[in-house]
Protein backbone atom coordinates (compact mmCIF):
# COMPACT_ATOMS: atom_id res chain seq x y z
CA UNK A 1 9.44 10.93 1.75
CA UNK A 2 11.71 9.99 -0.69
CA UNK A 3 11.15 9.10 -4.65
CA UNK A 4 9.17 6.21 -5.20
CA UNK A 5 12.04 4.32 -7.28
CA UNK A 6 10.66 0.60 -8.99
CA UNK A 7 13.74 -1.85 -10.09
CA UNK A 8 13.51 -2.45 -13.47
CA UNK A 9 11.42 -5.48 -13.25
CA UNK A 10 8.56 -3.76 -11.33
CA UNK A 11 8.90 -1.02 -13.75
CA UNK A 12 8.45 -2.88 -17.32
CA UNK A 13 5.21 -4.82 -15.33
CA UNK A 14 3.62 -1.82 -14.34
CA UNK A 15 4.12 0.17 -17.88
CA UNK A 16 2.52 -3.24 -19.18
CA UNK A 17 -0.47 -2.44 -16.77
CA UNK A 18 -0.60 0.57 -18.36
CA UNK A 19 -0.56 -0.59 -22.23
CA UNK A 20 -3.43 -3.01 -21.45
CA UNK A 21 -5.56 -0.62 -19.73
CA UNK A 22 -5.20 1.47 -22.40
CA UNK A 23 -5.90 -1.13 -25.03
CA UNK A 24 -8.46 -2.88 -23.19
CA UNK A 25 -10.54 0.43 -21.12
CA UNK A 26 -9.81 2.65 -23.80
CA UNK A 27 -9.87 1.58 -26.72
CA UNK A 28 -6.16 3.04 -27.41
CA UNK A 29 -2.33 1.83 -27.96
CA UNK A 30 0.48 3.51 -25.53
CA UNK A 31 3.92 3.26 -26.18
CA UNK A 32 6.05 1.79 -23.58
CA UNK A 33 8.14 5.08 -23.33
CA UNK A 34 4.58 7.61 -22.30
CA UNK A 35 3.33 4.87 -20.79
CA UNK A 36 6.72 5.09 -18.02
CA UNK A 37 5.82 8.47 -18.25
CA UNK A 38 2.81 8.20 -17.29
CA UNK A 39 3.88 5.85 -13.96
CA UNK A 40 6.43 8.37 -13.38
CA UNK A 41 4.06 11.12 -13.05
CA UNK A 42 1.28 9.16 -11.22
CA UNK A 43 5.03 7.94 -8.29
CA UNK A 44 6.09 11.55 -8.34
CA UNK A 45 1.97 13.19 -8.34
CA UNK A 46 -0.12 10.71 -6.47
CA UNK A 47 2.66 8.48 -4.54
CA UNK A 48 2.39 10.01 -1.16
CA UNK A 49 -1.34 9.63 -1.09
CA UNK A 50 -1.10 5.65 -2.19
CA UNK A 51 1.43 5.34 0.03
CA UNK A 52 0.17 7.07 3.12
CA UNK A 53 -3.39 5.07 2.86
CA UNK A 54 -1.09 2.34 3.07
CA UNK A 55 0.53 3.91 6.38
CA UNK A 56 -2.26 4.49 7.83
CA UNK A 57 -4.00 0.82 6.98
CA UNK A 58 -0.90 -0.55 8.49
CA UNK A 59 -1.33 1.50 11.99
CA UNK A 60 -5.24 0.61 12.28
CA UNK A 61 -3.81 -3.06 11.30
CA UNK A 62 -1.18 -3.03 14.62
CA UNK A 63 -3.21 -1.13 16.74
CA UNK A 64 -6.58 -3.83 16.31
CA UNK A 65 -3.71 -6.62 16.80
CA UNK A 66 -2.05 -5.39 20.45
CA UNK A 67 -5.54 -4.94 20.99
CA UNK A 68 -6.23 -8.34 20.90
CA UNK A 69 -3.36 -8.39 22.40
CA UNK A 70 -3.45 -6.86 25.27
CA UNK A 71 -7.21 -9.05 26.03
CA UNK A 72 -5.86 -12.47 25.80
CA UNK A 73 -3.16 -10.96 28.14
CA UNK A 74 -6.14 -9.84 30.02
CA UNK A 75 -7.63 -13.24 29.85
CA UNK A 76 -4.23 -15.01 31.67
CA UNK A 77 -5.22 -13.36 35.41
CA UNK A 78 -5.31 -14.88 37.74
CA UNK A 79 -8.62 -14.34 40.54
CA UNK A 80 -6.47 -12.67 43.74
CA UNK A 81 -8.11 -10.84 46.62
CA UNK A 82 -6.90 -7.71 45.45
CA UNK A 83 -9.48 -6.00 43.65
CA UNK A 84 -8.92 -3.10 40.99
């Protein structure tokens, strides 16, 4: 897997979320640089877990949709003398 990279705007938004979390939940302040380092730590060390979960969720959704399509196609069959 390639390293997770965020563009400048995404990084700024994530850093702001981390700073908000520290301020609101921990009653502490954290600078932009430490917040960005924390973000990068999570991306490097745990990003693959979140990425894989997203892939598994996407696969489950696609499987469900394909099952629905398959059922709908089966419902279109016309009766014939041929029995399966």
